[in-house]
PDB file of N, CA and C in Angstrom:
ATOM      1  N   MET A   1     -66.883-100.362 -12.459  1.00  0.00           N
ATOM      2  CA  MET A   1     -66.404 -99.139 -13.077  1.00  0.00           C
ATOM      3  C   MET A   1     -64.881 -99.157 -12.989  1.00  0.00           C
ATOM      4  N   ASP A   2     -64.215 -99.233 -14.097  1.00  0.00           N
ATOM      5  CA  ASP A   2     -62.751 -99.274 -14.141  1.00  0.00           C
ATOM      6  C   ASP A   2     -62.182-100.336 -13.213  1.00  0.00           C
ATOM      7  N   GLY A   3     -62.811-101.506 -13.162  1.00  0.00           N
ATOM      8  CA  GLY A   3     -62.319-102.592 -12.337  1.00  0.00           C
ATOM      9  C   GLY A   3     -62.609-102.465 -10.856  1.00  0.00           C
ATOM     10  N   ARG A   4     -63.428-101.498 -10.467  1.00  0.00           N
ATOM     11  CA  ARG A   4     -63.757-101.295  -9.060  1.00  0.00           C
ATOM     12  C   ARG A   4     -65.229-101.591  -8.834  1.00  0.00           C
ATOM     13  N   TRP A   5     -65.552-102.054  -7.630  1.00  0.00           N
ATOM     14  CA  TRP A   5     -66.944-102.260  -7.242  1.00  0.00           C
ATOM     15  C   TRP A   5     -67.573-100.912  -6.946  1.00  0.00           C
ATOM     16  N   TRP A   6     -68.853-100.761  -7.271  1.00  0.00           N
ATOM     17  CA  TRP A   6     -69.563 -99.535  -6.955  1.00  0.00           C
ATOM     18  C   TRP A   6     -71.037 -99.838  -6.812  1.00  0.00           C
ATOM     19  N   LEU A   7     -71.743 -98.948  -6.138  1.00  0.00           N
ATOM     20  CA  LEU A   7     -73.187 -99.069  -5.951  1.00  0.00           C
ATOM     21  C   LEU A   7     -73.881 -98.174  -6.963  1.00  0.00           C
ATOM     22  N   ALA A   8     -75.063 -98.581  -7.405  1.00  0.00           N
ATOM     23  CA  ALA A   8     -75.809 -97.778  -8.372  1.00  0.00           C
ATOM     24  C   ALA A   8     -77.258 -97.664  -7.927  1.00  0.00           C
ATOM     25  N   ASP A   9     -77.840 -96.482  -8.191  1.00  0.00           N
ATOM     26  CA  ASP A   9     -79.258 -96.292  -7.906  1.00  0.00           C
ATOM     27  C   ASP A   9     -80.064 -96.829  -9.095  1.00  0.00           C
ATOM     28  N   PRO A  10     -81.390 -96.784  -9.024  1.00  0.00           N
ATOM     29  CA  PRO A  10     -82.200 -97.327 -10.128  1.00  0.00           C
ATOM     30  C   PRO A  10     -81.941 -96.677 -11.485  1.00  0.00           C
ATOM     31  N   ASP A  11     -81.413 -95.437 -11.493  1.00  0.00           N
ATOM     32  CA  ASP A  11     -81.096 -94.769 -12.758  1.00  0.00           C
ATOM     33  C   ASP A  11     -79.652 -95.004 -13.180  1.00  0.00           C
ATOM     34  N   ASP A  12     -78.961 -95.931 -12.499  1.00  0.00           N
ATOM     35  CA  ASP A  12     -77.577 -96.304 -12.786  1.00  0.00           C
ATOM     36  C   ASP A  12     -76.572 -95.201 -12.452  1.00  0.00           C
ATOM     37  N   ASN A  13     -76.928 -94.327 -11.513  1.00  0.00           N
ATOM     38  CA  ASN A  13     -75.987 -93.328 -11.022  1.00  0.00           C
ATOM     39  C   ASN A  13     -75.253 -93.897  -9.819  1.00  0.00           C
ATOM     40  N   ALA A  14     -73.951 -93.660  -9.752  1.00  0.00           N
ATOM     41  CA  ALA A  14     -73.166 -94.120  -8.608  1.00  0.00           C
ATOM     42  C   ALA A  14     -73.569 -93.332  -7.367  1.00  0.00           C
ATOM     43  N   PHE A  15     -73.529 -93.983  -6.211  1.00  0.00           N
ATOM     44  CA  PHE A  15     -73.816 -93.270  -4.968  1.00  0.00           C
ATOM     45  C   PHE A  15     -73.019 -93.876  -3.831  1.00  0.00           C
ATOM     46  N   LEU A  16     -72.879 -93.114  -2.762  1.00  0.00           N
ATOM     47  CA  LEU A  16     -72.188 -93.536  -1.554  1.00  0.00           C
ATOM     48  C   LEU A  16     -73.226 -93.681  -0.461  1.00  0.00           C
ATOM     49  N   SER A  17     -73.308 -94.833   0.137  1.00  0.00           N
ATOM     50  CA  SER A  17     -74.278 -95.082   1.199  1.00  0.00           C
ATOM     51  C   SER A  17     -73.670 -94.706   2.542  1.00  0.00           C
ATOM     52  N   THR A  18     -74.344 -93.830   3.268  1.00  0.00           N
ATOM     53  CA  THR A  18     -73.891 -93.462   4.607  1.00  0.00           C
ATOM     54  C   THR A  18     -75.013 -93.730   5.584  1.00  0.00           C
ATOM     55  N   GLY A  19     -74.672 -93.995   6.797  1.00  0.00           N
ATOM     56  CA  GLY A  19     -75.689 -94.254   7.805  1.00  0.00           C
ATOM     57  C   GLY A  19     -75.069 -94.787   9.073  1.00  0.00           C
ATOM     58  N   VAL A  20     -75.909 -95.178  10.012  1.00  0.00           N
ATOM     59  CA  VAL A  20     -75.445 -95.650  11.300  1.00  0.00           C
ATOM     60  C   VAL A  20     -74.543 -96.873  11.144  1.00  0.00           C
ATOM     61  N   ASP A  21     -74.882 -97.730  10.196  1.00  0.00           N
ATOM     62  CA  ASP A  21     -74.100 -98.954  10.020  1.00  0.00           C
ATOM     63  C   ASP A  21     -73.194 -98.899   8.792  1.00  0.00           C
ATOM     64  N   CYS A  22     -72.973 -97.711   8.261  1.00  0.00           N
ATOM     65  CA  CYS A  22     -72.137 -97.554   7.074  1.00  0.00           C
ATOM     66  C   CYS A  22     -70.983 -96.617   7.396  1.00  0.00           C
ATOM     67  N   VAL A  23     -70.445 -95.993   6.390  1.00  0.00           N
ATOM     68  CA  VAL A  23     -69.343 -95.059   6.594  1.00  0.00           C
ATOM     69  C   VAL A  23     -69.887 -93.701   6.997  1.00  0.00           C
ATOM     70  N   GLY A  24     -69.111 -92.952   7.718  1.00  0.00           N
ATOM     71  CA  GLY A  24     -69.504 -91.613   8.144  1.00  0.00           C
ATOM     72  C   GLY A  24     -68.428 -90.610   7.795  1.00  0.00           C
ATOM     73  N   PRO A  25     -68.339 -90.218   6.520  1.00  0.00           N
ATOM     74  CA  PRO A  25     -67.282 -89.285   6.142  1.00  0.00           C
ATOM     75  C   PRO A  25     -67.523 -87.912   6.741  1.00  0.00           C
ATOM     76  N   GLY A  26     -66.465 -87.217   7.015  1.00  0.00           N
ATOM     77  CA  GLY A  26     -66.578 -85.859   7.536  1.00  0.00           C
ATOM     78  C   GLY A  26     -67.004 -84.888   6.452  1.00  0.00           C
ATOM     79  N   VAL A  27     -67.288 -83.668   6.868  1.00  0.00           N
ATOM     80  CA  VAL A  27     -67.744 -82.628   5.946  1.00  0.00           C
ATOM     81  C   VAL A  27     -66.700 -82.361   4.871  1.00  0.00           C
ATOM     82  N   ASP A  28     -65.405 -82.409   5.225  1.00  0.00           N
ATOM     83  CA  ASP A  28     -64.367 -82.159   4.222  1.00  0.00           C
ATOM     84  C   ASP A  28     -64.451 -83.154   3.072  1.00  0.00           C
ATOM     85  N   VAL A  29     -64.723 -84.413   3.369  1.00  0.00           N
ATOM     86  CA  VAL A  29     -64.868 -85.430   2.324  1.00  0.00           C
ATOM     87  C   VAL A  29     -66.152 -85.187   1.540  1.00  0.00           C
ATOM     88  N   MET A  30     -67.241 -84.852   2.234  1.00  0.00           N
ATOM     89  CA  MET A  30     -68.527 -84.643   1.566  1.00  0.00           C
ATOM     90  C   MET A  30     -68.483 -83.465   0.603  1.00  0.00           C
ATOM     91  N   ARG A  31     -67.625 -82.464   0.870  1.00  0.00           N
ATOM     92  CA  ARG A  31     -67.529 -81.310  -0.038  1.00  0.00           C
ATOM     93  C   ARG A  31     -67.065 -81.732  -1.432  1.00  0.00           C
ATOM     94  N   GLU A  32     -66.346 -82.864  -1.520  1.00  0.00           N
ATOM     95  CA  GLU A  32     -65.932 -83.359  -2.832  1.00  0.00           C
ATOM     96  C   GLU A  32     -67.148 -83.796  -3.650  1.00  0.00           C
ATOM     97  N   PHE A  33     -68.201 -84.278  -2.980  1.00  0.00           N
ATOM     98  CA  PHE A  33     -69.398 -84.771  -3.646  1.00  0.00           C
ATOM     99  C   PHE A  33     -70.505 -83.728  -3.700  1.00  0.00           C
ATOM    100  N   ILE A  34     -70.567 -82.877  -2.687  1.00  0.00           N
ATOM    101  CA  ILE A  34     -71.602 -81.848  -2.577  1.00  0.00           C
ATOM    102  C   ILE A  34     -70.886 -80.513  -2.369  1.00  0.00           C
ATOM    103  N   PRO A  35     -70.528 -79.812  -3.460  1.00  0.00           N
ATOM    104  CA  PRO A  35     -69.725 -78.590  -3.331  1.00  0.00           C
ATOM    105  C   PRO A  35     -70.336 -77.540  -2.398  1.00  0.00           C
ATOM    106  N   HIS A  36     -71.664 -77.393  -2.413  1.00  0.00           N
ATOM    107  CA  HIS A  36     -72.299 -76.409  -1.538  1.00  0.00           C
ATOM    108  C   HIS A  36     -73.145 -77.155  -0.514  1.00  0.00           C
ATOM    109  N   LEU A  37     -72.586 -77.317   0.671  1.00  0.00           N
ATOM    110  CA  LEU A  37     -73.353 -77.954   1.738  1.00  0.00           C
ATOM    111  C   LEU A  37     -74.273 -76.916   2.361  1.00  0.00           C
ATOM    112  N   PRO A  38     -75.567 -77.168   2.411  1.00  0.00           N
ATOM    113  CA  PRO A  38     -76.504 -76.188   2.959  1.00  0.00           C
ATOM    114  C   PRO A  38     -76.359 -76.025   4.464  1.00  0.00           C
ATOM    115  N   LEU A  39     -75.505 -76.809   5.088  1.00  0.00           N
ATOM    116  CA  LEU A  39     -75.373 -76.787   6.543  1.00  0.00           C
ATOM    117  C   LEU A  39     -74.540 -75.632   7.054  1.00  0.00           C
ATOM    118  N   GLU A  40     -73.989 -74.831   6.179  1.00  0.00           N
ATOM    119  CA  GLU A  40     -73.030 -73.832   6.618  1.00  0.00           C
ATOM    120  C   GLU A  40     -73.658 -72.517   7.052  1.00  0.00           C
ATOM    121  N   THR A  41     -74.971 -72.448   7.159  1.00  0.00           N
ATOM    122  CA  THR A  41     -75.618 -71.263   7.700  1.00  0.00           C
ATOM    123  C   THR A  41     -75.962 -71.515   9.163  1.00  0.00           C
ATOM    124  N   GLU A  42     -76.188 -70.452   9.895  1.00  0.00           N
ATOM    125  CA  GLU A  42     -76.470 -70.557  11.329  1.00  0.00           C
ATOM    126  C   GLU A  42     -77.715 -71.393  11.613  1.00  0.00           C
ATOM    127  N   ASP A  43     -78.708 -71.343  10.732  1.00  0.00           N
ATOM    128  CA  ASP A  43     -79.939 -72.117  10.939  1.00  0.00           C
ATOM    129  C   ASP A  43     -79.665 -73.616  11.077  1.00  0.00           C
ATOM    130  N   PHE A  44     -78.612 -74.088  10.439  1.00  0.00           N
ATOM    131  CA  PHE A  44     -78.320 -75.523  10.426  1.00  0.00           C
ATOM    132  C   PHE A  44     -77.298 -75.947  11.479  1.00  0.00           C
ATOM    133  N   THR A  45     -77.006 -75.082  12.438  1.00  0.00           N
ATOM    134  CA  THR A  45     -76.061 -75.425  13.501  1.00  0.00           C
ATOM    135  C   THR A  45     -76.400 -76.747  14.187  1.00  0.00           C
ATOM    136  N   PRO A  46     -77.677 -77.059  14.491  1.00  0.00           N
ATOM    137  CA  PRO A  46     -77.978 -78.341  15.136  1.00  0.00           C
ATOM    138  C   PRO A  46     -77.626 -79.564  14.281  1.00  0.00           C
ATOM    139  N   ALA A  47     -77.426 -79.370  12.999  1.00  0.00           N
ATOM    140  CA  ALA A  47     -77.117 -80.487  12.106  1.00  0.00           C
ATOM    141  C   ALA A  47     -75.614 -80.714  11.961  1.00  0.00           C
ATOM    142  N   ARG A  48     -74.821 -79.925  12.673  1.00  0.00           N
ATOM    143  CA  ARG A  48     -73.369 -80.068  12.595  1.00  0.00           C
ATOM    144  C   ARG A  48     -72.824 -80.548  13.926  1.00  0.00           C
ATOM    145  N   SER A  49     -71.774 -81.336  13.856  1.00  0.00           N
ATOM    146  CA  SER A  49     -71.096 -81.775  15.077  1.00  0.00           C
ATOM    147  C   SER A  49     -69.617 -81.922  14.768  1.00  0.00           C
ATOM    148  N   ARG A  50     -68.837 -82.054  15.814  1.00  0.00           N
ATOM    149  CA  ARG A  50     -67.395 -82.187  15.650  1.00  0.00           C
ATOM    150  C   ARG A  50     -66.904 -83.307  16.552  1.00  0.00           C
ATOM    151  N   ARG A  51     -66.057 -84.146  16.006  1.00  0.00           N
ATOM    152  CA  ARG A  51     -65.377 -85.183  16.783  1.00  0.00           C
ATOM    153  C   ARG A  51     -63.890 -84.999  16.524  1.00  0.00           C
ATOM    154  N   GLY A  52     -63.178 -84.513  17.534  1.00  0.00           N
ATOM    155  CA  GLY A  52     -61.770 -84.176  17.338  1.00  0.00           C
ATOM    156  C   GLY A  52     -61.665 -83.025  16.363  1.00  0.00           C
ATOM    157  N   SER A  53     -60.868 -83.186  15.334  1.00  0.00           N
ATOM    158  CA  SER A  53     -60.711 -82.120  14.339  1.00  0.00           C
ATOM    159  C   SER A  53     -61.622 -82.317  13.125  1.00  0.00           C
ATOM    160  N   THR A  54     -62.471 -83.346  13.159  1.00  0.00           N
ATOM    161  CA  THR A  54     -63.346 -83.644  12.022  1.00  0.00           C
ATOM    162  C   THR A  54     -64.755 -83.137  12.276  1.00  0.00           C
ATOM    163  N   GLU A  55     -65.278 -82.372  11.314  1.00  0.00           N
ATOM    164  CA  GLU A  55     -66.655 -81.878  11.399  1.00  0.00           C
ATOM    165  C   GLU A  55     -67.561 -82.849  10.650  1.00  0.00           C
ATOM    166  N   PHE A  56     -68.725 -83.123  11.236  1.00  0.00           N
ATOM    167  CA  PHE A  56     -69.687 -84.045  10.635  1.00  0.00           C
ATOM    168  C   PHE A  56     -71.005 -83.331  10.370  1.00  0.00           C
ATOM    169  N   ALA A  57     -71.760 -83.856   9.410  1.00  0.00           N
ATOM    170  CA  ALA A  57     -73.069 -83.319   9.066  1.00  0.00           C
ATOM    171  C   ALA A  57     -74.115 -84.388   9.325  1.00  0.00           C
ATOM    172  N   ASN A  58     -75.222 -83.993   9.940  1.00  0.00           N
ATOM    173  CA  ASN A  58     -76.346 -84.901  10.162  1.00  0.00           C
ATOM    174  C   ASN A  58     -77.442 -84.486   9.184  1.00  0.00           C
ATOM    175  N   PHE A  59     -77.536 -85.209   8.073  1.00  0.00           N
ATOM    176  CA  PHE A  59     -78.487 -84.826   7.031  1.00  0.00           C
ATOM    177  C   PHE A  59     -79.927 -85.103   7.431  1.00  0.00           C
ATOM    178  N   GLY A  60     -80.144 -86.015   8.360  1.00  0.00           N
ATOM    179  CA  GLY A  60     -81.493 -86.233   8.884  1.00  0.00           C
ATOM    180  C   GLY A  60     -82.004 -84.990   9.586  1.00  0.00           C
ATOM    181  N   ILE A  61     -81.183 -84.427  10.464  1.00  0.00           N
ATOM    182  CA  ILE A  61     -81.561 -83.187  11.153  1.00  0.00           C
ATOM    183  C   ILE A  61     -81.658 -82.045  10.152  1.00  0.00           C
ATOM    184  N   ALA A  62     -80.728 -81.979   9.210  1.00  0.00           N
ATOM    185  CA  ALA A  62     -80.773 -80.916   8.196  1.00  0.00           C
ATOM    186  C   ALA A  62     -82.079 -80.970   7.408  1.00  0.00           C
ATOM    187  N   ASN A  63     -82.547 -82.167   7.072  1.00  0.00           N
ATOM    188  CA  ASN A  63     -83.814 -82.299   6.343  1.00  0.00           C
ATOM    189  C   ASN A  63     -84.993 -81.832   7.186  1.00  0.00           C
ATOM    190  N   LEU A  64     -84.973 -82.131   8.489  1.00  0.00           N
ATOM    191  CA  LEU A  64     -86.046 -81.654   9.377  1.00  0.00           C
ATOM    192  C   LEU A  64     -86.058 -80.131   9.443  1.00  0.00           C
ATOM    193  N   ILE A  65     -84.883 -79.523   9.569  1.00  0.00           N
ATOM    194  CA  ILE A  65     -84.798 -78.058   9.609  1.00  0.00           C
ATOM    195  C   ILE A  65     -85.292 -77.474   8.291  1.00  0.00           C
ATOM    196  N   HIS A  66     -84.883 -78.079   7.190  1.00  0.00           N
ATOM    197  CA  HIS A  66     -85.302 -77.588   5.876  1.00  0.00           C
ATOM    198  C   HIS A  66     -86.818 -77.687   5.709  1.00  0.00           C
ATOM    199  N   ALA A  67     -87.407 -78.780   6.174  1.00  0.00           N
ATOM    200  CA  ALA A  67     -88.845 -79.000   5.999  1.00  0.00           C
ATOM    201  C   ALA A  67     -89.697 -78.197   6.969  1.00  0.00           C
ATOM    202  N   PHE A  68     -89.260 -78.101   8.233  1.00  0.00           N
ATOM    203  CA  PHE A  68     -90.124 -77.537   9.272  1.00  0.00           C
ATOM    204  C   PHE A  68     -89.580 -76.278   9.939  1.00  0.00           C
ATOM    205  N   GLY A  69     -88.391 -75.841   9.558  1.00  0.00           N
ATOM    206  CA  GLY A  69     -87.817 -74.643  10.152  1.00  0.00           C
ATOM    207  C   GLY A  69     -86.933 -74.958  11.345  1.00  0.00           C
ATOM    208  N   VAL A  70     -86.300 -73.921  11.863  1.00  0.00           N
ATOM    209  CA  VAL A  70     -85.304 -74.108  12.921  1.00  0.00           C
ATOM    210  C   VAL A  70     -85.900 -74.610  14.224  1.00  0.00           C
ATOM    211  N   ASN A  71     -87.181 -74.441  14.432  1.00  0.00           N
ATOM    212  CA  ASN A  71     -87.806 -74.887  15.685  1.00  0.00           C
ATOM    213  C   ASN A  71     -88.533 -76.216  15.530  1.00  0.00           C
ATOM    214  N   TRP A  72     -88.089 -77.081  14.650  1.00  0.00           N
ATOM    215  CA  TRP A  72     -88.751 -78.357  14.395  1.00  0.00           C
ATOM    216  C   TRP A  72     -88.861 -79.138  15.660  1.00  0.00           C
TER     217      TRP A  72
END
């Protein structure tokens, strides 16, 4: 794409891979891709963490809370 390497899903949409062995952008960076992060309510507090001045989101925990409720 414009001379840059990029990853694509099966529908040819660009995506950013995050994980334990990948990049871990902070919430401020993720807001550029996901304008409304569902983690900003009190129910999702366990899915948020902070390292220094950077806030991080744990989407694995967020998915568990979304699927099974706050007492998962």
